C-alpha atoms as a PDB file:
ATOM      1  CA  MET A   1      -0.118 -18.939 -13.832  1.00  0.00           C
ATOM      2  CA  ASP A   2      -1.350 -21.831 -11.692  1.00  0.00           C
ATOM      3  CA  ASN A   3      -2.607 -21.242  -8.143  1.00  0.00           C
ATOM      4  CA  LEU A   4      -2.597 -17.445  -8.325  1.00  0.00           C
ATOM      5  CA  PRO A   5      -1.466 -15.378  -5.320  1.00  0.00           C
ATOM      6  CA  SER A   6      -4.588 -13.665  -3.989  1.00  0.00           C
ATOM      7  CA  LEU A   7      -2.646 -11.812  -1.255  1.00  0.00           C
ATOM      8  CA  ALA A   8       0.274  -9.456  -1.860  1.00  0.00           C
ATOM      9  CA  ILE A   9       2.666  -7.678   0.464  1.00  0.00           C
ATOM     10  CA  ILE A  10       4.278  -4.416  -0.608  1.00  0.00           C
ATOM     11  CA  GLY A  11       7.322  -3.976   1.573  1.00  0.00           C
ATOM     12  CA  GLY A  12       8.464  -0.458   2.348  1.00  0.00           C
ATOM     13  CA  SER A  13      11.478   0.910   4.200  1.00  0.00           C
ATOM     14  CA  GLY A  14      13.125  -1.855   6.212  1.00  0.00           C
ATOM     15  CA  LEU A  15      11.187  -4.768   4.722  1.00  0.00           C
ATOM     16  CA  TYR A  16      12.832  -5.741   1.456  1.00  0.00           C
ATOM     17  CA  GLU A  17      12.148  -9.472   1.428  1.00  0.00           C
ATOM     18  CA  MET A  18       9.704 -11.978   2.856  1.00  0.00           C
ATOM     19  CA  PRO A  19      11.553 -14.786   4.674  1.00  0.00           C
ATOM     20  CA  GLY A  20       9.628 -17.994   5.083  1.00  0.00           C
ATOM     21  CA  LEU A  21       8.181 -18.154   1.571  1.00  0.00           C
ATOM     22  CA  LYS A  22       8.404 -21.729   0.313  1.00  0.00           C
ATOM     23  CA  ASP A  23       9.259 -22.480  -3.302  1.00  0.00           C
ATOM     24  CA  PRO A  24       9.734 -18.819  -4.236  1.00  0.00           C
ATOM     25  CA  LYS A  25       9.509 -17.882  -7.895  1.00  0.00           C
ATOM     26  CA  GLU A  26      10.555 -14.551  -9.384  1.00  0.00           C
ATOM     27  CA  TYR A  27       8.407 -12.709 -11.926  1.00  0.00           C
ATOM     28  CA  ASP A  28      10.199  -9.958 -13.830  1.00  0.00           C
ATOM     29  CA  LEU A  29       7.153  -8.276 -15.354  1.00  0.00           C
ATOM     30  CA  ASP A  30       6.499  -5.368 -17.658  1.00  0.00           C
ATOM     31  CA  THR A  31       3.269  -3.362 -17.834  1.00  0.00           C
ATOM     32  CA  PRO A  32       1.696  -0.690 -20.077  1.00  0.00           C
ATOM     33  CA  PHE A  33       2.933   1.774 -17.437  1.00  0.00           C
ATOM     34  CA  GLY A  34       6.519   0.544 -17.309  1.00  0.00           C
ATOM     35  CA  LYS A  35       8.318  -1.860 -15.022  1.00  0.00           C
ATOM     36  CA  PRO A  36       7.491  -2.278 -11.337  1.00  0.00           C
ATOM     37  CA  SER A  37       9.996  -1.386  -8.637  1.00  0.00           C
ATOM     38  CA  ALA A  38      11.442  -4.902  -8.513  1.00  0.00           C
ATOM     39  CA  PRO A  39      10.700  -8.434  -9.635  1.00  0.00           C
ATOM     40  CA  ILE A  40       7.707  -9.844  -7.788  1.00  0.00           C
ATOM     41  CA  ILE A  41       8.415 -12.889  -5.630  1.00  0.00           C
ATOM     42  CA  VAL A  42       5.637 -15.457  -5.368  1.00  0.00           C
ATOM     43  CA  GLY A  43       5.793 -18.302  -2.882  1.00  0.00           C
ATOM     44  CA  THR A  44       3.782 -20.282  -0.355  1.00  0.00           C
ATOM     45  CA  LEU A  45       3.158 -19.089   3.193  1.00  0.00           C
ATOM     46  CA  GLU A  46       0.845 -20.975   5.552  1.00  0.00           C
ATOM     47  CA  GLU A  47      -0.375 -23.006   2.556  1.00  0.00           C
ATOM     48  CA  ARG A  48      -1.333 -19.809   0.711  1.00  0.00           C
ATOM     49  CA  LYS A  49       0.254 -18.285  -2.372  1.00  0.00           C
ATOM     50  CA  ILE A  50       1.702 -14.882  -1.442  1.00  0.00           C
ATOM     51  CA  ALA A  51       3.231 -12.232  -3.700  1.00  0.00           C
ATOM     52  CA  PHE A  52       5.912  -9.859  -2.392  1.00  0.00           C
ATOM     53  CA  LEU A  53       7.092  -6.607  -3.980  1.00  0.00           C
ATOM     54  CA  ALA A  54       9.858  -4.330  -2.662  1.00  0.00           C
ATOM     55  CA  ARG A  55       8.387  -0.849  -3.140  1.00  0.00           C
ATOM     56  CA  HIS A  56      11.732   0.969  -3.202  1.00  0.00           C
ATOM     57  CA  GLY A  57      13.508  -1.657  -5.285  1.00  0.00           C
ATOM     58  CA  ILE A  58      16.199  -4.118  -4.267  1.00  0.00           C
ATOM     59  CA  GLY A  59      18.633  -2.236  -2.047  1.00  0.00           C
ATOM     60  CA  HIS A  60      16.223   0.706  -1.590  1.00  0.00           C
ATOM     61  CA  HIS A  61      17.377   2.771  -4.573  1.00  0.00           C
ATOM     62  CA  ILE A  62      14.021   4.325  -5.572  1.00  0.00           C
ATOM     63  CA  SER A  63      12.943   7.575  -3.909  1.00  0.00           C
ATOM     64  CA  PRO A  64       9.260   7.950  -2.876  1.00  0.00           C
ATOM     65  CA  SER A  65       8.750  10.474  -5.686  1.00  0.00           C
ATOM     66  CA  GLU A  66      10.298   8.124  -8.256  1.00  0.00           C
ATOM     67  CA  ILE A  67       8.238   5.007  -7.493  1.00  0.00           C
ATOM     68  CA  ASN A  68       6.222   3.771 -10.450  1.00  0.00           C
ATOM     69  CA  PHE A  69       3.089   3.160  -8.402  1.00  0.00           C
ATOM     70  CA  ARG A  70       0.960   2.398 -11.447  1.00  0.00           C
ATOM     71  CA  ALA A  71       3.319  -0.308 -12.677  1.00  0.00           C
ATOM     72  CA  ASN A  72       3.496  -1.843  -9.195  1.00  0.00           C
ATOM     73  CA  ILE A  73      -0.273  -2.113  -8.773  1.00  0.00           C
ATOM     74  CA  TYR A  74      -0.892  -3.184 -12.377  1.00  0.00           C
ATOM     75  CA  ALA A  75       1.738  -5.929 -12.130  1.00  0.00           C
ATOM     76  CA  LEU A  76       0.178  -7.322  -8.946  1.00  0.00           C
ATOM     77  CA  LYS A  77      -3.265  -7.211 -10.554  1.00  0.00           C
ATOM     78  CA  SER A  78      -1.937  -9.137 -13.558  1.00  0.00           C
ATOM     79  CA  LEU A  79      -0.826 -11.944 -11.214  1.00  0.00           C
ATOM     80  CA  GLY A  80      -4.351 -12.322  -9.834  1.00  0.00           C
ATOM     81  CA  VAL A  81      -3.847 -10.472  -6.544  1.00  0.00           C
ATOM     82  CA  GLU A  82      -7.100  -9.534  -4.768  1.00  0.00           C
ATOM     83  CA  ARG A  83      -5.750  -7.958  -1.565  1.00  0.00           C
ATOM     84  CA  ILE A  84      -2.689  -5.867  -0.791  1.00  0.00           C
ATOM     85  CA  VAL A  85      -1.081  -5.191   2.572  1.00  0.00           C
ATOM     86  CA  SER A  86       1.225  -2.195   2.497  1.00  0.00           C
ATOM     87  CA  ILE A  87       4.032  -2.305   5.054  1.00  0.00           C
ATOM     88  CA  SER A  88       5.054   1.303   5.681  1.00  0.00           C
ATOM     89  CA  ALA A  89       7.193   3.327   8.013  1.00  0.00           C
ATOM     90  CA  CYS A  90       5.463   6.359   9.471  1.00  0.00           C
ATOM     91  CA  GLY A  91       5.949   9.205  11.880  1.00  0.00           C
ATOM     92  CA  SER A  92       3.472   9.811  14.672  1.00  0.00           C
ATOM     93  CA  LEU A  93       1.602  13.091  14.996  1.00  0.00           C
ATOM     94  CA  ARG A  94      -0.112  11.999  18.228  1.00  0.00           C
ATOM     95  CA  GLU A  95       1.168  11.452  21.757  1.00  0.00           C
ATOM     96  CA  ASP A  96      -0.622   8.115  22.064  1.00  0.00           C
ATOM     97  CA  TYR A  97       0.859   6.580  18.889  1.00  0.00           C
ATOM     98  CA  ILE A  98       4.380   5.939  20.115  1.00  0.00           C
ATOM     99  CA  PRO A  99       7.478   4.636  18.290  1.00  0.00           C
ATOM    100  CA  GLY A 100       7.244   0.852  18.059  1.00  0.00           C
ATOM    101  CA  ASP A 101       3.448   0.845  17.759  1.00  0.00           C
ATOM    102  CA  ILE A 102       1.674  -0.376  14.627  1.00  0.00           C
ATOM    103  CA  VAL A 103      -1.226   1.570  13.164  1.00  0.00           C
ATOM    104  CA  VAL A 104      -3.836   0.363  10.681  1.00  0.00           C
ATOM    105  CA  PRO A 105      -5.219   3.722   9.483  1.00  0.00           C
ATOM    106  CA  SER A 106      -8.768   4.422   8.358  1.00  0.00           C
ATOM    107  CA  GLN A 107      -8.334   7.647   6.367  1.00  0.00           C
ATOM    108  CA  LEU A 108      -5.838   9.137   3.932  1.00  0.00           C
ATOM    109  CA  PHE A 109      -4.860  12.724   3.063  1.00  0.00           C
ATOM    110  CA  ASP A 110      -2.882  13.108  -0.163  1.00  0.00           C
ATOM    111  CA  PHE A 111      -0.427  16.016   0.157  1.00  0.00           C
ATOM    112  CA  THR A 112       1.900  14.891  -2.625  1.00  0.00           C
ATOM    113  CA  ARG A 113       2.664  16.778  -5.820  1.00  0.00           C
ATOM    114  CA  GLY A 114       3.260  15.658  -9.376  1.00  0.00           C
ATOM    115  CA  ARG A 115       2.658  11.923  -8.988  1.00  0.00           C
ATOM    116  CA  LYS A 116       0.615   9.885 -11.445  1.00  0.00           C
ATOM    117  CA  ARG A 117      -2.542   9.273  -9.407  1.00  0.00           C
ATOM    118  CA  SER A 118      -4.743   7.350 -11.835  1.00  0.00           C
ATOM    119  CA  PHE A 119      -4.696   4.676 -14.503  1.00  0.00           C
ATOM    120  CA  PHE A 120      -7.463   6.513 -16.299  1.00  0.00           C
ATOM    121  CA  GLU A 121      -6.123   8.971 -18.832  1.00  0.00           C
ATOM    122  CA  GLY A 122      -5.510   9.029 -22.566  1.00  0.00           C
ATOM    123  CA  GLY A 123      -9.078   8.468 -23.703  1.00  0.00           C
ATOM    124  CA  LEU A 124     -10.807   6.610 -20.871  1.00  0.00           C
ATOM    125  CA  VAL A 125     -12.170   8.468 -17.845  1.00  0.00           C
ATOM    126  CA  ALA A 126     -13.255   6.986 -14.513  1.00  0.00           C
ATOM    127  CA  HIS A 127     -14.267   8.769 -11.312  1.00  0.00           C
ATOM    128  CA  ILE A 128     -13.526   6.306  -8.529  1.00  0.00           C
ATOM    129  CA  SER A 129     -15.077   6.601  -5.061  1.00  0.00           C
ATOM    130  CA  THR A 130     -12.472   6.933  -2.309  1.00  0.00           C
ATOM    131  CA  ALA A 131     -14.523   8.297   0.579  1.00  0.00           C
ATOM    132  CA  ASP A 132     -13.124   5.376   2.553  1.00  0.00           C
ATOM    133  CA  PRO A 133      -9.744   4.845   0.849  1.00  0.00           C
ATOM    134  CA  PHE A 134      -8.814   1.687   2.760  1.00  0.00           C
ATOM    135  CA  CYS A 135     -10.872  -1.501   2.680  1.00  0.00           C
ATOM    136  CA  THR A 136     -12.723  -1.512   6.007  1.00  0.00           C
ATOM    137  CA  ASP A 137     -13.112  -5.278   6.373  1.00  0.00           C
ATOM    138  CA  PHE A 138      -9.575  -6.032   5.245  1.00  0.00           C
ATOM    139  CA  SER A 139      -8.155  -3.360   7.558  1.00  0.00           C
ATOM    140  CA  GLN A 140      -9.988  -5.022  10.449  1.00  0.00           C
ATOM    141  CA  ALA A 141      -8.448  -8.359   9.484  1.00  0.00           C
ATOM    142  CA  VAL A 142      -4.961  -6.810   9.298  1.00  0.00           C
ATOM    143  CA  PHE A 143      -5.442  -5.174  12.703  1.00  0.00           C
ATOM    144  CA  GLU A 144      -6.520  -8.458  14.290  1.00  0.00           C
ATOM    145  CA  ALA A 145      -3.570 -10.254  12.700  1.00  0.00           C
ATOM    146  CA  VAL A 146      -1.195  -7.674  14.214  1.00  0.00           C
ATOM    147  CA  ARG A 147      -2.899  -7.791  17.595  1.00  0.00           C
ATOM    148  CA  GLU A 148      -2.469 -11.578  17.690  1.00  0.00           C
ATOM    149  CA  THR A 149       1.305 -11.022  17.755  1.00  0.00           C
ATOM    150  CA  GLY A 150       1.008  -9.120  21.042  1.00  0.00           C
ATOM    151  CA  ALA A 151       2.470  -5.948  19.537  1.00  0.00           C
ATOM    152  CA  PRO A 152       0.866  -2.611  20.499  1.00  0.00           C
ATOM    153  CA  ALA A 153      -1.597  -1.850  17.711  1.00  0.00           C
ATOM    154  CA  HIS A 154      -4.154   0.822  16.856  1.00  0.00           C
ATOM    155  CA  LEU A 155      -7.082   0.653  14.441  1.00  0.00           C
ATOM    156  CA  GLY A 156      -7.968   4.005  12.880  1.00  0.00           C
ATOM    157  CA  GLY A 157      -6.380   7.375  12.297  1.00  0.00           C
ATOM    158  CA  ASP A 158      -5.728   9.775   9.442  1.00  0.00           C
ATOM    159  CA  PHE A 159      -2.598   9.091   7.389  1.00  0.00           C
ATOM    160  CA  ILE A 160      -1.112  12.071   5.528  1.00  0.00           C
ATOM    161  CA  THR A 161       1.216  11.349   2.613  1.00  0.00           C
ATOM    162  CA  ILE A 162       3.833  13.997   1.836  1.00  0.00           C
ATOM    163  CA  GLU A 163       6.054  14.177  -1.205  1.00  0.00           C
ATOM    164  CA  GLY A 164       9.402  13.533   0.415  1.00  0.00           C
ATOM    165  CA  PRO A 165      12.103  12.424   0.308  1.00  0.00           C
ATOM    166  CA  ARG A 166      12.973  14.988   2.960  1.00  0.00           C
ATOM    167  CA  PHE A 167      11.405  14.903   6.423  1.00  0.00           C
ATOM    168  CA  SER A 168       9.059  17.661   7.606  1.00  0.00           C
ATOM    169  CA  THR A 169       9.946  21.053   8.998  1.00  0.00           C
ATOM    170  CA  LYS A 170       8.615  21.779  12.484  1.00  0.00           C
ATOM    171  CA  SER A 171       6.133  24.252  11.009  1.00  0.00           C
ATOM    172  CA  GLU A 172       4.811  21.623   8.592  1.00  0.00           C
ATOM    173  CA  SER A 173       4.617  18.960  11.283  1.00  0.00           C
ATOM    174  CA  ASN A 174       2.678  21.208  13.639  1.00  0.00           C
ATOM    175  CA  THR A 175       0.341  22.194  10.814  1.00  0.00           C
ATOM    176  CA  TYR A 176      -0.453  18.539  10.055  1.00  0.00           C
ATOM    177  CA  ARG A 177      -1.189  18.033  13.751  1.00  0.00           C
ATOM    178  CA  ALA A 178      -3.504  21.051  13.724  1.00  0.00           C
ATOM    179  CA  TRP A 179      -5.322  19.514  10.771  1.00  0.00           C
ATOM    180  CA  GLY A 180      -6.006  16.409  12.867  1.00  0.00           C
ATOM    181  CA  MET A 181      -3.628  14.031  11.113  1.00  0.00           C
ATOM    182  CA  SER A 182      -2.484  10.992  13.091  1.00  0.00           C
ATOM    183  CA  ILE A 183       0.509   9.604  11.190  1.00  0.00           C
ATOM    184  CA  ILE A 184       2.713  10.752   8.315  1.00  0.00           C
ATOM    185  CA  GLY A 185       4.495   8.916   5.506  1.00  0.00           C
ATOM    186  CA  MET A 186       5.618   9.243   1.883  1.00  0.00           C
ATOM    187  CA  THR A 187       4.143   6.370  -0.161  1.00  0.00           C
ATOM    188  CA  THR A 188       0.536   5.490   0.705  1.00  0.00           C
ATOM    189  CA  ALA A 189      -0.798   7.976  -1.860  1.00  0.00           C
ATOM    190  CA  PRO A 190      -1.386   7.320  -4.679  1.00  0.00           C
ATOM    191  CA  GLU A 191      -0.862   3.607  -3.985  1.00  0.00           C
ATOM    192  CA  ALA A 192      -4.179   3.236  -2.161  1.00  0.00           C
ATOM    193  CA  PHE A 193      -6.123   5.051  -4.880  1.00  0.00           C
ATOM    194  CA  LEU A 194      -4.597   2.963  -7.645  1.00  0.00           C
ATOM    195  CA  ALA A 195      -5.443  -0.221  -5.770  1.00  0.00           C
ATOM    196  CA  ARG A 196      -9.059   0.929  -5.605  1.00  0.00           C
ATOM    197  CA  GLU A 197      -9.051   1.664  -9.342  1.00  0.00           C
ATOM    198  CA  ALA A 198      -7.711  -1.852  -9.880  1.00  0.00           C
ATOM    199  CA  GLU A 199     -10.557  -3.197  -7.696  1.00  0.00           C
ATOM    200  CA  MET A 200      -8.228  -4.615  -5.069  1.00  0.00           C
ATOM    201  CA  CYS A 201      -8.695  -4.509  -1.299  1.00  0.00           C
ATOM    202  CA  TYR A 202      -5.923  -2.426   0.280  1.00  0.00           C
ATOM    203  CA  ALA A 203      -4.859  -1.889   3.886  1.00  0.00           C
ATOM    204  CA  VAL A 204      -1.782  -0.453   5.581  1.00  0.00           C
ATOM    205  CA  MET A 205       0.302  -1.873   8.392  1.00  0.00           C
ATOM    206  CA  ALA A 206       2.083   1.333   9.396  1.00  0.00           C
ATOM    207  CA  HIS A 207       5.048   1.033  11.759  1.00  0.00           C
ATOM    208  CA  VAL A 208       5.545   4.115  13.911  1.00  0.00           C
ATOM    209  CA  THR A 209       9.266   4.888  13.913  1.00  0.00           C
ATOM    210  CA  ASP A 210       9.397   8.406  15.354  1.00  0.00           C
ATOM    211  CA  TYR A 211       7.455  11.506  16.435  1.00  0.00           C
ATOM    212  CA  ASP A 212       8.283  13.339  13.200  1.00  0.00           C
ATOM    213  CA  VAL A 213       9.806  16.663  14.403  1.00  0.00           C
ATOM    214  CA  TRP A 214       6.993  18.196  16.467  1.00  0.00           C
ATOM    215  CA  HIS A 215       7.689  16.499  19.812  1.00  0.00           C
ATOM    216  CA  ILE A 216       9.891  18.830  21.862  1.00  0.00           C
ATOM    217  CA  SER A 217      11.079  16.161  24.316  1.00  0.00           C
ATOM    218  CA  GLU A 218      11.945  13.515  21.718  1.00  0.00           C
ATOM    219  CA  GLU A 219      14.853  13.198  19.316  1.00  0.00           C
ATOM    220  CA  THR A 220      14.247  14.572  15.811  1.00  0.00           C
ATOM    221  CA  VAL A 221      13.555  11.891  13.203  1.00  0.00           C
ATOM    222  CA  SER A 222      16.548  10.402  11.377  1.00  0.00           C
ATOM    223  CA  VAL A 223      17.188   7.517   8.996  1.00  0.00           C
ATOM    224  CA  GLU A 224      19.009   5.627  11.769  1.00  0.00           C
ATOM    225  CA  MET A 225      15.983   5.956  14.045  1.00  0.00           C
ATOM    226  CA  VAL A 226      13.608   4.726  11.347  1.00  0.00           C
ATOM    227  CA  ILE A 227      15.710   1.680  10.485  1.00  0.00           C
ATOM    228  CA  GLU A 228      16.263   0.738  14.129  1.00  0.00           C
ATOM    229  CA  ILE A 229      12.529   0.580  14.856  1.00  0.00           C
ATOM    230  CA  LEU A 230      11.772  -1.216  11.594  1.00  0.00           C
ATOM    231  CA  HIS A 231      14.372  -3.882  12.256  1.00  0.00           C
ATOM    232  CA  ARG A 232      12.859  -4.361  15.689  1.00  0.00           C
ATOM    233  CA  ASN A 233       9.386  -4.767  14.161  1.00  0.00           C
ATOM    234  CA  THR A 234      10.346  -7.000  11.238  1.00  0.00           C
ATOM    235  CA  GLN A 235       9.473 -10.203  13.083  1.00  0.00           C
ATOM    236  CA  VAL A 236       6.149  -8.697  14.163  1.00  0.00           C
ATOM    237  CA  ALA A 237       5.301  -7.855  10.558  1.00  0.00           C
ATOM    238  CA  GLN A 238       6.251 -11.311   9.341  1.00  0.00           C
ATOM    239  CA  GLN A 239       4.196 -13.049  12.035  1.00  0.00           C
ATOM    240  CA  ALA A 240       1.236 -10.745  11.387  1.00  0.00           C
ATOM    241  CA  ILE A 241       1.342 -11.661   7.694  1.00  0.00           C
ATOM    242  CA  LYS A 242       1.313 -15.358   8.602  1.00  0.00           C
ATOM    243  CA  ASN A 243      -1.695 -14.723  10.840  1.00  0.00           C
ATOM    244  CA  LEU A 244      -3.387 -12.816   8.035  1.00  0.00           C
ATOM    245  CA  ALA A 245      -2.779 -15.596   5.517  1.00  0.00           C
ATOM    246  CA  ASP A 246      -4.813 -17.873   7.801  1.00  0.00           C
ATOM    247  CA  ARG A 247      -7.535 -15.250   8.299  1.00  0.00           C
ATOM    248  CA  VAL A 248      -8.454 -14.209   4.732  1.00  0.00           C
ATOM    249  CA  GLN A 249      -9.423 -16.569   1.963  1.00  0.00           C
ATOM    250  CA  PRO A 250      -9.164 -16.118  -1.814  1.00  0.00           C
ATOM    251  CA  GLY A 251     -12.352 -15.378  -3.691  1.00  0.00           C
ATOM    252  CA  GLU A 252     -14.127 -13.598  -0.825  1.00  0.00           C
ATOM    253  CA  ASP A 253     -16.366 -10.893  -2.291  1.00  0.00           C
ATOM    254  CA  CYS A 254     -15.923  -7.242  -1.323  1.00  0.00           C
ATOM    255  CA  ALA A 255     -17.262  -3.920  -2.598  1.00  0.00           C
ATOM    256  CA  CYS A 256     -13.667  -2.986  -3.505  1.00  0.00           C
ATOM    257  CA  GLN A 257     -13.792  -5.646  -6.200  1.00  0.00           C
ATOM    258  CA  HIS A 258     -16.632  -3.809  -7.954  1.00  0.00           C
ATOM    259  CA  ALA A 259     -15.301  -0.271  -7.546  1.00  0.00           C
ATOM    260  CA  LEU A 260     -15.369   0.494 -11.285  1.00  0.00           C
ATOM    261  CA  ALA A 261     -18.940  -0.662 -11.829  1.00  0.00           C
ATOM    262  CA  ALA A 262     -20.320   2.864 -11.433  1.00  0.00           C
ATOM    263  CA  ALA A 263     -17.095   4.793 -12.091  1.00  0.00           C
ATOM    264  CA  LEU A 264     -16.586   4.613 -15.870  1.00  0.00           C
ATOM    265  CA  ILE A 265     -18.027   7.659 -17.622  1.00  0.00           C
ATOM    266  CA  THR A 266     -16.570   7.443 -21.139  1.00  0.00           C
ATOM    267  CA  GLN A 267     -18.986   5.996 -23.691  1.00  0.00           C
ATOM    268  CA  PRO A 268     -17.675   2.637 -24.949  1.00  0.00           C
ATOM    269  CA  SER A 269     -17.908   3.839 -28.545  1.00  0.00           C
ATOM    270  CA  ALA A 270     -15.553   6.727 -27.707  1.00  0.00           C
ATOM    271  CA  ILE A 271     -12.829   4.544 -26.206  1.00  0.00           C
ATOM    272  CA  SER A 272      -9.874   4.148 -28.540  1.00  0.00           C
ATOM    273  CA  PRO A 273      -8.414   0.709 -29.283  1.00  0.00           C
ATOM    274  CA  GLN A 274      -5.193   1.874 -27.616  1.00  0.00           C
ATOM    275  CA  ALA A 275      -7.005   2.765 -24.375  1.00  0.00           C
ATOM    276  CA  ARG A 276      -8.887  -0.535 -24.430  1.00  0.00           C
ATOM    277  CA  GLU A 277      -5.662  -2.451 -24.827  1.00  0.00           C
ATOM    278  CA  ARG A 278      -3.822  -0.483 -22.128  1.00  0.00           C
ATOM    279  CA  LEU A 279      -6.610  -0.765 -19.552  1.00  0.00           C
ATOM    280  CA  GLY A 280      -8.284  -3.981 -20.613  1.00  0.00           C
ATOM    281  CA  LEU A 281      -7.028  -5.838 -17.547  1.00  0.00           C
ATOM    282  CA  LEU A 282      -9.009  -3.403 -15.383  1.00  0.00           C
ATOM    283  CA  VAL A 283     -12.127  -2.622 -17.411  1.00  0.00           C
ATOM    284  CA  GLU A 284     -12.815  -5.256 -20.059  1.00  0.00           C
ATOM    285  CA  LYS A 285     -15.526  -6.962 -18.011  1.00  0.00           C
ATOM    286  CA  TYR A 286     -17.483  -3.679 -18.018  1.00  0.00           C
ATOM    287  CA  LEU A 287     -17.104  -3.044 -21.748  1.00  0.00           C
ATOM    288  CA  LYS A 288     -18.432  -6.313 -23.112  1.00  0.00           C
END
């Protein structure tokens, strides 16, 4: 593929397409882990090739628990993507992160169950470092791109991912607050961890849509509330992505792009041909 897209946008609830892409081309890919949520759209934005993937599928028909996160990340990697911005809806667990604000979190707590969290199984083992699960430099760039729009933005905070698709009970919400969590959503884990395994920089542009269910003076979260805020913020997200396309350049080196260098533990002689073929896109440079 000529002129590979180094930057990808994964659109979550409320962002199912990327208007403004010039000369869009659709890639209906398959991967060793199955098909991604939707065809990937590649086009030009601010003179940069951008890839866009609808996380929940066209028309939002895929539940958080049913998303094939591995296929999504693998497919983007196969197109040459180096950096991923996740656009996500989230609930606030803090008074100062109010509906309409945008948060670029710094930490992640995985409270999901039963999801495939790693590419590395079936004969090839890797222990990836995720002490800082989001790319620090890229997150800073995303934050600055959002701030340039004039929208209220916050850099930092702990993002807890729950299984979903239901919203929290009040007891759960208050427990997450007691744990020190800042925002809550349903899709950032294992997406962030898989991006790290694929040696891609990953950051989240989280749109606060509600106060979850803990806030006694605010309306309890609903789908209508989430969609209303997201529609209001769609233009902000699109402008922030344009700003970001100007800010980051393809080929810039980052520690994320070498995350597997010290993570592979399986002896090369013990790796089966099947595992090599399945994971070659990710590991071949370390097995030569």
